[in-house]
Amino acid sequence: MIEDSYYSDGVLNIEMIGKMYYVLNKQTPNRQIWLSSPISGPSRFEFDASNGTWNHYRTNECLLKMLNHEFNQKFAKNESEKIELKYE
């Protein structure tokens, strides 16, 4: 599912199977994370201190829920390949 990943200067790049790339960019001054997804396009997430999650600034969808859905729908061929990202 994930071919490669690297982190540098607040930017996490994730290369998926098929040369599809996710980019997560930490925007420290704004307290946001910007996501570029090959499936859903660009998105912006803000931290919700009340429950410790990063939520989409318009839809309130949780960042990890969105990534889990995209990764599993597009890249998992069967149940055993599905992943579940979690906050720790």
PDB file of N, CA and C in Angstrom:
ATOM      1  N   MET A   1       0.827  -1.174   0.000  1.00  0.00           N
ATOM      2  CA  MET A   1       0.000   0.000   0.000  1.00  0.00           C
ATOM      3  C   MET A   1       0.882   1.252   0.000  1.00  0.00           C
ATOM      4  N   ILE A   2       1.747   1.410   1.002  1.00  0.00           N
ATOM      5  CA  ILE A   2       2.658   2.558   1.055  1.00  0.00           C
ATOM      6  C   ILE A   2       4.012   2.114   0.505  1.00  0.00           C
ATOM      7  N   GLU A   3       4.469   2.793  -0.529  1.00  0.00           N
ATOM      8  CA  GLU A   3       5.752   2.472  -1.146  1.00  0.00           C
ATOM      9  C   GLU A   3       6.911   3.154  -0.421  1.00  0.00           C
ATOM     10  N   ASP A   4       6.705   4.428  -0.059  1.00  0.00           N
ATOM     11  CA  ASP A   4       7.782   5.201   0.562  1.00  0.00           C
ATOM     12  C   ASP A   4       7.174   6.385   1.292  1.00  0.00           C
ATOM     13  N   SER A   5       7.895   6.915   2.252  1.00  0.00           N
ATOM     14  CA  SER A   5       7.471   8.136   2.939  1.00  0.00           C
ATOM     15  C   SER A   5       8.705   8.837   3.480  1.00  0.00           C
ATOM     16  N   TYR A   6       8.613  10.152   3.582  1.00  0.00           N
ATOM     17  CA  TYR A   6       9.682  10.917   4.205  1.00  0.00           C
ATOM     18  C   TYR A   6       9.126  12.213   4.760  1.00  0.00           C
ATOM     19  N   TYR A   7       9.792  12.696   5.804  1.00  0.00           N
ATOM     20  CA  TYR A   7       9.375  13.904   6.511  1.00  0.00           C
ATOM     21  C   TYR A   7      10.533  14.882   6.547  1.00  0.00           C
ATOM     22  N   SER A   8      10.261  16.133   6.203  1.00  0.00           N
ATOM     23  CA  SER A   8      11.283  17.165   6.242  1.00  0.00           C
ATOM     24  C   SER A   8      10.628  18.531   6.378  1.00  0.00           C
ATOM     25  N   ASP A   9      11.109  19.327   7.299  1.00  0.00           N
ATOM     26  CA  ASP A   9      10.659  20.713   7.476  1.00  0.00           C
ATOM     27  C   ASP A   9       9.142  20.851   7.581  1.00  0.00           C
ATOM     28  N   GLY A  10       8.501  19.975   8.347  1.00  0.00           N
ATOM     29  CA  GLY A  10       7.071  20.082   8.565  1.00  0.00           C
ATOM     30  C   GLY A  10       6.207  19.512   7.456  1.00  0.00           C
ATOM     31  N   VAL A  11       6.821  18.808   6.497  1.00  0.00           N
ATOM     32  CA  VAL A  11       6.076  18.240   5.374  1.00  0.00           C
ATOM     33  C   VAL A  11       6.297  16.720   5.338  1.00  0.00           C
ATOM     34  N   LEU A  12       5.189  15.971   5.365  1.00  0.00           N
ATOM     35  CA  LEU A  12       5.231  14.521   5.252  1.00  0.00           C
ATOM     36  C   LEU A  12       4.753  14.131   3.858  1.00  0.00           C
ATOM     37  N   ASN A  13       5.599  13.445   3.119  1.00  0.00           N
ATOM     38  CA  ASN A  13       5.266  12.947   1.788  1.00  0.00           C
ATOM     39  C   ASN A  13       5.085  11.443   1.869  1.00  0.00           C
ATOM     40  N   ILE A  14       3.963  10.947   1.327  1.00  0.00           N
ATOM     41  CA  ILE A  14       3.675   9.522   1.333  1.00  0.00           C
ATOM     42  C   ILE A  14       3.427   9.089  -0.108  1.00  0.00           C
ATOM     43  N   GLU A  15       4.258   8.167  -0.583  1.00  0.00           N
ATOM     44  CA  GLU A  15       4.079   7.618  -1.919  1.00  0.00           C
ATOM     45  C   GLU A  15       3.335   6.295  -1.803  1.00  0.00           C
ATOM     46  N   MET A  16       2.189   6.227  -2.463  1.00  0.00           N
ATOM     47  CA  MET A  16       1.374   5.024  -2.453  1.00  0.00           C
ATOM     48  C   MET A  16       1.671   4.191  -3.697  1.00  0.00           C
ATOM     49  N   ILE A  17       1.173   2.967  -3.712  1.00  0.00           N
ATOM     50  CA  ILE A  17       1.277   2.113  -4.886  1.00  0.00           C
ATOM     51  C   ILE A  17       0.694   2.854  -6.084  1.00  0.00           C
ATOM     52  N   GLY A  18       1.347   2.747  -7.226  1.00  0.00           N
ATOM     53  CA  GLY A  18       0.854   3.391  -8.441  1.00  0.00           C
ATOM     54  C   GLY A  18       1.298   4.831  -8.583  1.00  0.00           C
ATOM     55  N   LYS A  19       2.337   5.217  -7.833  1.00  0.00           N
ATOM     56  CA  LYS A  19       2.888   6.571  -7.912  1.00  0.00           C
ATOM     57  C   LYS A  19       1.854   7.649  -7.585  1.00  0.00           C
ATOM     58  N   MET A  20       1.011   7.383  -6.591  1.00  0.00           N
ATOM     59  CA  MET A  20       0.060   8.381  -6.095  1.00  0.00           C
ATOM     60  C   MET A  20       0.642   8.940  -4.803  1.00  0.00           C
ATOM     61  N   TYR A  21       0.570  10.255  -4.638  1.00  0.00           N
ATOM     62  CA  TYR A  21       1.240  10.917  -3.518  1.00  0.00           C
ATOM     63  C   TYR A  21       0.262  11.670  -2.630  1.00  0.00           C
ATOM     64  N   TYR A  22       0.468  11.511  -1.329  1.00  0.00           N
ATOM     65  CA  TYR A  22      -0.194  12.332  -0.317  1.00  0.00           C
ATOM     66  C   TYR A  22       0.864  13.253   0.266  1.00  0.00           C
ATOM     67  N   VAL A  23       0.498  14.510   0.506  1.00  0.00           N
ATOM     68  CA  VAL A  23       1.404  15.454   1.141  1.00  0.00           C
ATOM     69  C   VAL A  23       0.654  16.099   2.297  1.00  0.00           C
ATOM     70  N   LEU A  24       1.218  15.989   3.498  1.00  0.00           N
ATOM     71  CA  LEU A  24       0.672  16.653   4.684  1.00  0.00           C
ATOM     72  C   LEU A  24       1.667  17.718   5.101  1.00  0.00           C
ATOM     73  N   ASN A  25       1.170  18.936   5.209  1.00  0.00           N
ATOM     74  CA  ASN A  25       2.020  20.087   5.476  1.00  0.00           C
ATOM     75  C   ASN A  25       1.558  20.768   6.761  1.00  0.00           C
ATOM     76  N   LYS A  26       2.431  20.809   7.753  1.00  0.00           N
ATOM     77  CA  LYS A  26       2.110  21.439   9.032  1.00  0.00           C
ATOM     78  C   LYS A  26       2.215  22.959   8.902  1.00  0.00           C
ATOM     79  N   GLN A  27       1.129  23.649   9.201  1.00  0.00           N
ATOM     80  CA  GLN A  27       1.089  25.117   9.177  1.00  0.00           C
ATOM     81  C   GLN A  27       1.067  25.616  10.621  1.00  0.00           C
ATOM     82  N   THR A  28       2.237  25.682  11.225  1.00  0.00           N
ATOM     83  CA  THR A  28       2.349  25.989  12.651  1.00  0.00           C
ATOM     84  C   THR A  28       1.710  27.323  13.039  1.00  0.00           C
ATOM     85  N   PRO A  29       1.973  28.428  12.334  1.00  0.00           N
ATOM     86  CA  PRO A  29       1.371  29.703  12.757  1.00  0.00           C
ATOM     87  C   PRO A  29      -0.160  29.681  12.762  1.00  0.00           C
ATOM     88  N   ASN A  30      -0.763  28.935  11.843  1.00  0.00           N
ATOM     89  CA  ASN A  30      -2.220  28.860  11.732  1.00  0.00           C
ATOM     90  C   ASN A  30      -2.822  27.728  12.557  1.00  0.00           C
ATOM     91  N   ARG A  31      -1.959  26.869  13.130  1.00  0.00           N
ATOM     92  CA  ARG A  31      -2.399  25.674  13.846  1.00  0.00           C
ATOM     93  C   ARG A  31      -3.280  24.811  12.947  1.00  0.00           C
ATOM     94  N   GLN A  32      -2.773  24.551  11.735  1.00  0.00           N
ATOM     95  CA  GLN A  32      -3.501  23.772  10.745  1.00  0.00           C
ATOM     96  C   GLN A  32      -2.588  22.722  10.120  1.00  0.00           C
ATOM     97  N   ILE A  33      -3.226  21.735   9.499  1.00  0.00           N
ATOM     98  CA  ILE A  33      -2.543  20.785   8.634  1.00  0.00           C
ATOM     99  C   ILE A  33      -3.205  20.895   7.273  1.00  0.00           C
ATOM    100  N   TRP A  34      -2.386  21.045   6.260  1.00  0.00           N
ATOM    101  CA  TRP A  34      -2.885  21.062   4.890  1.00  0.00           C
ATOM    102  C   TRP A  34      -2.577  19.713   4.269  1.00  0.00           C
ATOM    103  N   LEU A  35      -3.568  19.151   3.590  1.00  0.00           N
ATOM    104  CA  LEU A  35      -3.432  17.844   2.954  1.00  0.00           C
ATOM    105  C   LEU A  35      -3.637  17.986   1.455  1.00  0.00           C
ATOM    106  N   SER A  36      -2.749  17.380   0.697  1.00  0.00           N
ATOM    107  CA  SER A  36      -2.955  17.224  -0.739  1.00  0.00           C
ATOM    108  C   SER A  36      -3.143  15.736  -0.987  1.00  0.00           C
ATOM    109  N   SER A  37      -4.325  15.363  -1.479  1.00  0.00           N
ATOM    110  CA  SER A  37      -4.666  13.961  -1.714  1.00  0.00           C
ATOM    111  C   SER A  37      -4.879  13.724  -3.199  1.00  0.00           C
ATOM    112  N   PRO A  38      -4.358  12.595  -3.728  1.00  0.00           N
ATOM    113  CA  PRO A  38      -4.609  12.285  -5.134  1.00  0.00           C
ATOM    114  C   PRO A  38      -6.062  11.885  -5.396  1.00  0.00           C
ATOM    115  N   ILE A  39      -6.809  11.657  -4.338  1.00  0.00           N
ATOM    116  CA  ILE A  39      -8.205  11.230  -4.475  1.00  0.00           C
ATOM    117  C   ILE A  39      -9.171  12.384  -4.221  1.00  0.00           C
ATOM    118  N   SER A  40      -9.008  13.065  -3.087  1.00  0.00           N
ATOM    119  CA  SER A  40      -9.965  14.112  -2.721  1.00  0.00           C
ATOM    120  C   SER A  40      -9.456  15.533  -2.961  1.00  0.00           C
ATOM    121  N   GLY A  41      -8.200  15.666  -3.379  1.00  0.00           N
ATOM    122  CA  GLY A  41      -7.656  16.999  -3.646  1.00  0.00           C
ATOM    123  C   GLY A  41      -7.157  17.690  -2.386  1.00  0.00           C
ATOM    124  N   PRO A  42      -7.082  19.026  -2.423  1.00  0.00           N
ATOM    125  CA  PRO A  42      -6.553  19.762  -1.271  1.00  0.00           C
ATOM    126  C   PRO A  42      -7.602  19.919  -0.161  1.00  0.00           C
ATOM    127  N   SER A  43      -7.130  19.858   1.076  1.00  0.00           N
ATOM    128  CA  SER A  43      -7.998  20.035   2.246  1.00  0.00           C
ATOM    129  C   SER A  43      -7.213  20.731   3.345  1.00  0.00           C
ATOM    130  N   ARG A  44      -7.944  21.341   4.258  1.00  0.00           N
ATOM    131  CA  ARG A  44      -7.318  22.033   5.392  1.00  0.00           C
ATOM    132  C   ARG A  44      -7.990  21.556   6.676  1.00  0.00           C
ATOM    133  N   PHE A  45      -7.167  21.246   7.676  1.00  0.00           N
ATOM    134  CA  PHE A  45      -7.653  20.713   8.941  1.00  0.00           C
ATOM    135  C   PHE A  45      -7.181  21.576  10.098  1.00  0.00           C
ATOM    136  N   GLU A  46      -8.065  21.734  11.082  1.00  0.00           N
ATOM    137  CA  GLU A  46      -7.754  22.517  12.275  1.00  0.00           C
ATOM    138  C   GLU A  46      -7.840  21.604  13.494  1.00  0.00           C
ATOM    139  N   PHE A  47      -7.014  21.893  14.489  1.00  0.00           N
ATOM    140  CA  PHE A  47      -6.967  21.056  15.681  1.00  0.00           C
ATOM    141  C   PHE A  47      -8.155  21.346  16.587  1.00  0.00           C
ATOM    142  N   ASP A  48      -8.810  20.290  17.042  1.00  0.00           N
ATOM    143  CA  ASP A  48      -9.912  20.385  18.002  1.00  0.00           C
ATOM    144  C   ASP A  48      -9.394  19.897  19.346  1.00  0.00           C
ATOM    145  N   ALA A  49      -9.077  20.829  20.219  1.00  0.00           N
ATOM    146  CA  ALA A  49      -8.482  20.486  21.509  1.00  0.00           C
ATOM    147  C   ALA A  49      -9.449  19.723  22.409  1.00  0.00           C
ATOM    148  N   SER A  50     -10.749  19.873  22.197  1.00  0.00           N
ATOM    149  CA  SER A  50     -11.721  19.208  23.062  1.00  0.00           C
ATOM    150  C   SER A  50     -11.682  17.688  22.924  1.00  0.00           C
ATOM    151  N   ASN A  51     -11.319  17.180  21.730  1.00  0.00           N
ATOM    152  CA  ASN A  51     -11.229  15.728  21.586  1.00  0.00           C
ATOM    153  C   ASN A  51      -9.889  15.264  21.015  1.00  0.00           C
ATOM    154  N   GLY A  52      -8.960  16.213  20.802  1.00  0.00           N
ATOM    155  CA  GLY A  52      -7.609  15.870  20.369  1.00  0.00           C
ATOM    156  C   GLY A  52      -7.507  15.375  18.939  1.00  0.00           C
ATOM    157  N   THR A  53      -8.389  15.856  18.054  1.00  0.00           N
ATOM    158  CA  THR A  53      -8.362  15.415  16.663  1.00  0.00           C
ATOM    159  C   THR A  53      -8.178  16.606  15.724  1.00  0.00           C
ATOM    160  N   TRP A  54      -7.751  16.298  14.510  1.00  0.00           N
ATOM    161  CA  TRP A  54      -7.639  17.291  13.443  1.00  0.00           C
ATOM    162  C   TRP A  54      -8.863  17.125  12.548  1.00  0.00           C
ATOM    163  N   ASN A  55      -9.664  18.194  12.429  1.00  0.00           N
ATOM    164  CA  ASN A  55     -10.916  18.124  11.692  1.00  0.00           C
ATOM    165  C   ASN A  55     -10.927  19.114  10.532  1.00  0.00           C
ATOM    166  N   HIS A  56     -11.584  18.689   9.436  1.00  0.00           N
ATOM    167  CA  HIS A  56     -11.708  19.530   8.254  1.00  0.00           C
ATOM    168  C   HIS A  56     -12.395  20.837   8.648  1.00  0.00           C
ATOM    169  N   TYR A  57     -11.868  21.951   8.187  1.00  0.00           N
ATOM    170  CA  TYR A  57     -12.347  23.259   8.637  1.00  0.00           C
ATOM    171  C   TYR A  57     -13.779  23.562   8.187  1.00  0.00           C
ATOM    172  N   ARG A  58     -14.297  22.879   7.168  1.00  0.00           N
ATOM    173  CA  ARG A  58     -15.681  23.100   6.726  1.00  0.00           C
ATOM    174  C   ARG A  58     -16.613  21.958   7.118  1.00  0.00           C
ATOM    175  N   THR A  59     -16.190  20.730   6.838  1.00  0.00           N
ATOM    176  CA  THR A  59     -17.084  19.577   7.035  1.00  0.00           C
ATOM    177  C   THR A  59     -16.972  18.965   8.423  1.00  0.00           C
ATOM    178  N   ASN A  60     -15.908  19.291   9.155  1.00  0.00           N
ATOM    179  CA  ASN A  60     -15.617  18.749  10.482  1.00  0.00           C
ATOM    180  C   ASN A  60     -15.231  17.263  10.445  1.00  0.00           C
ATOM    181  N   GLU A  61     -14.958  16.717   9.247  1.00  0.00           N
ATOM    182  CA  GLU A  61     -14.518  15.320   9.144  1.00  0.00           C
ATOM    183  C   GLU A  61     -13.119  15.177   9.724  1.00  0.00           C
ATOM    184  N   CYS A  62     -12.909  14.126  10.485  1.00  0.00           N
ATOM    185  CA  CYS A  62     -11.617  13.850  11.114  1.00  0.00           C
ATOM    186  C   CYS A  62     -10.587  13.457  10.047  1.00  0.00           C
ATOM    187  N   LEU A  63      -9.395  14.025  10.142  1.00  0.00           N
ATOM    188  CA  LEU A  63      -8.314  13.752   9.192  1.00  0.00           C
ATOM    189  C   LEU A  63      -8.010  12.259   9.095  1.00  0.00           C
ATOM    190  N   LEU A  64      -7.859  11.586  10.226  1.00  0.00           N
ATOM    191  CA  LEU A  64      -7.510  10.165  10.180  1.00  0.00           C
ATOM    192  C   LEU A  64      -8.640   9.319   9.628  1.00  0.00           C
ATOM    193  N   LYS A  65      -9.888   9.674   9.910  1.00  0.00           N
ATOM    194  CA  LYS A  65     -11.019   8.949   9.348  1.00  0.00           C
ATOM    195  C   LYS A  65     -11.011   9.071   7.824  1.00  0.00           C
ATOM    196  N   MET A  66     -10.745  10.268   7.331  1.00  0.00           N
ATOM    197  CA  MET A  66     -10.691  10.495   5.891  1.00  0.00           C
ATOM    198  C   MET A  66      -9.562   9.692   5.252  1.00  0.00           C
ATOM    199  N   LEU A  67      -8.359   9.735   5.862  1.00  0.00           N
ATOM    200  CA  LEU A  67      -7.225   8.983   5.320  1.00  0.00           C
ATOM    201  C   LEU A  67      -7.475   7.476   5.361  1.00  0.00           C
ATOM    202  N   ASN A  68      -8.021   6.981   6.457  1.00  0.00           N
ATOM    203  CA  ASN A  68      -8.346   5.551   6.546  1.00  0.00           C
ATOM    204  C   ASN A  68      -9.285   5.147   5.414  1.00  0.00           C
ATOM    205  N   HIS A  69     -10.316   5.943   5.195  1.00  0.00           N
ATOM    206  CA  HIS A  69     -11.287   5.639   4.143  1.00  0.00           C
ATOM    207  C   HIS A  69     -10.614   5.623   2.771  1.00  0.00           C
ATOM    208  N   GLU A  70      -9.850   6.663   2.464  1.00  0.00           N
ATOM    209  CA  GLU A  70      -9.193   6.730   1.155  1.00  0.00           C
ATOM    210  C   GLU A  70      -8.186   5.601   0.966  1.00  0.00           C
ATOM    211  N   PHE A  71      -7.341   5.371   1.944  1.00  0.00           N
ATOM    212  CA  PHE A  71      -6.330   4.309   1.828  1.00  0.00           C
ATOM    213  C   PHE A  71      -7.001   2.952   1.613  1.00  0.00           C
ATOM    214  N   ASN A  72      -8.011   2.660   2.413  1.00  0.00           N
ATOM    215  CA  ASN A  72      -8.632   1.342   2.357  1.00  0.00           C
ATOM    216  C   ASN A  72      -9.512   1.154   1.118  1.00  0.00           C
ATOM    217  N   GLN A  73     -10.205   2.189   0.686  1.00  0.00           N
ATOM    218  CA  GLN A  73     -11.055   2.086  -0.501  1.00  0.00           C
ATOM    219  C   GLN A  73     -10.220   1.941  -1.769  1.00  0.00           C
ATOM    220  N   LYS A  74      -9.140   2.692  -1.861  1.00  0.00           N
ATOM    221  CA  LYS A  74      -8.352   2.738  -3.095  1.00  0.00           C
ATOM    222  C   LYS A  74      -7.262   1.671  -3.157  1.00  0.00           C
ATOM    223  N   PHE A  75      -6.617   1.392  -2.027  1.00  0.00           N
ATOM    224  CA  PHE A  75      -5.394   0.599  -2.067  1.00  0.00           C
ATOM    225  C   PHE A  75      -5.493  -0.796  -1.439  1.00  0.00           C
ATOM    226  N   ALA A  76      -6.443  -1.040  -0.545  1.00  0.00           N
ATOM    227  CA  ALA A  76      -6.561  -2.365   0.079  1.00  0.00           C
ATOM    228  C   ALA A  76      -7.354  -3.288  -0.839  1.00  0.00           C
ATOM    229  N   LYS A  77      -6.766  -4.403  -1.190  1.00  0.00           N
ATOM    230  CA  LYS A  77      -7.430  -5.346  -2.086  1.00  0.00           C
ATOM    231  C   LYS A  77      -8.374  -6.279  -1.333  1.00  0.00           C
ATOM    232  N   ASN A  78      -8.128  -6.465  -0.035  1.00  0.00           N
ATOM    233  CA  ASN A  78      -8.988  -7.318   0.779  1.00  0.00           C
ATOM    234  C   ASN A  78      -8.912  -6.862   2.235  1.00  0.00           C
ATOM    235  N   GLU A  79      -9.709  -7.486   3.091  1.00  0.00           N
ATOM    236  CA  GLU A  79      -9.789  -7.102   4.509  1.00  0.00           C
ATOM    237  C   GLU A  79      -8.439  -7.126   5.201  1.00  0.00           C
ATOM    238  N   SER A  80      -7.606  -8.107   4.875  1.00  0.00           N
ATOM    239  CA  SER A  80      -6.323  -8.250   5.571  1.00  0.00           C
ATOM    240  C   SER A  80      -5.348  -7.113   5.238  1.00  0.00           C
ATOM    241  N   GLU A  81      -5.569  -6.390   4.152  1.00  0.00           N
ATOM    242  CA  GLU A  81      -4.691  -5.287   3.775  1.00  0.00           C
ATOM    243  C   GLU A  81      -5.160  -3.943   4.316  1.00  0.00           C
ATOM    244  N   LYS A  82      -6.324  -3.898   4.934  1.00  0.00           N
ATOM    245  CA  LYS A  82      -6.849  -2.640   5.452  1.00  0.00           C
ATOM    246  C   LYS A  82      -6.020  -2.168   6.649  1.00  0.00           C
ATOM    247  N   ILE A  83      -5.897  -0.850   6.756  1.00  0.00           N
ATOM    248  CA  ILE A  83      -5.169  -0.262   7.877  1.00  0.00           C
ATOM    249  C   ILE A  83      -6.099   0.643   8.661  1.00  0.00           C
ATOM    250  N   GLU A  84      -5.698   0.957   9.893  1.00  0.00           N
ATOM    251  CA  GLU A  84      -6.438   1.906  10.706  1.00  0.00           C
ATOM    252  C   GLU A  84      -5.450   2.839  11.381  1.00  0.00           C
ATOM    253  N   LEU A  85      -5.386   4.066  10.884  1.00  0.00           N
ATOM    254  CA  LEU A  85      -4.552   5.073  11.514  1.00  0.00           C
ATOM    255  C   LEU A  85      -5.217   5.543  12.777  1.00  0.00           C
ATOM    256  N   LYS A  86      -4.426   5.818  13.827  1.00  0.00           N
ATOM    257  CA  LYS A  86      -4.974   6.251  15.120  1.00  0.00           C
ATOM    258  C   LYS A  86      -4.141   7.387  15.687  1.00  0.00           C
ATOM    259  N   TYR A  87      -4.792   8.232  16.459  1.00  0.00           N
ATOM    260  CA  TYR A  87      -4.062   9.251  17.216  1.00  0.00           C
ATOM    261  C   TYR A  87      -3.466   8.589  18.454  1.00  0.00           C
ATOM    262  N   GLU A  88      -2.252   8.977  18.811  1.00  0.00           N
ATOM    263  CA  GLU A  88      -1.646   8.452  20.033  1.00  0.00           C
ATOM    264  C   GLU A  88      -1.098   9.583  20.851  1.00  0.00           C
TER     265      GLU A  88
END
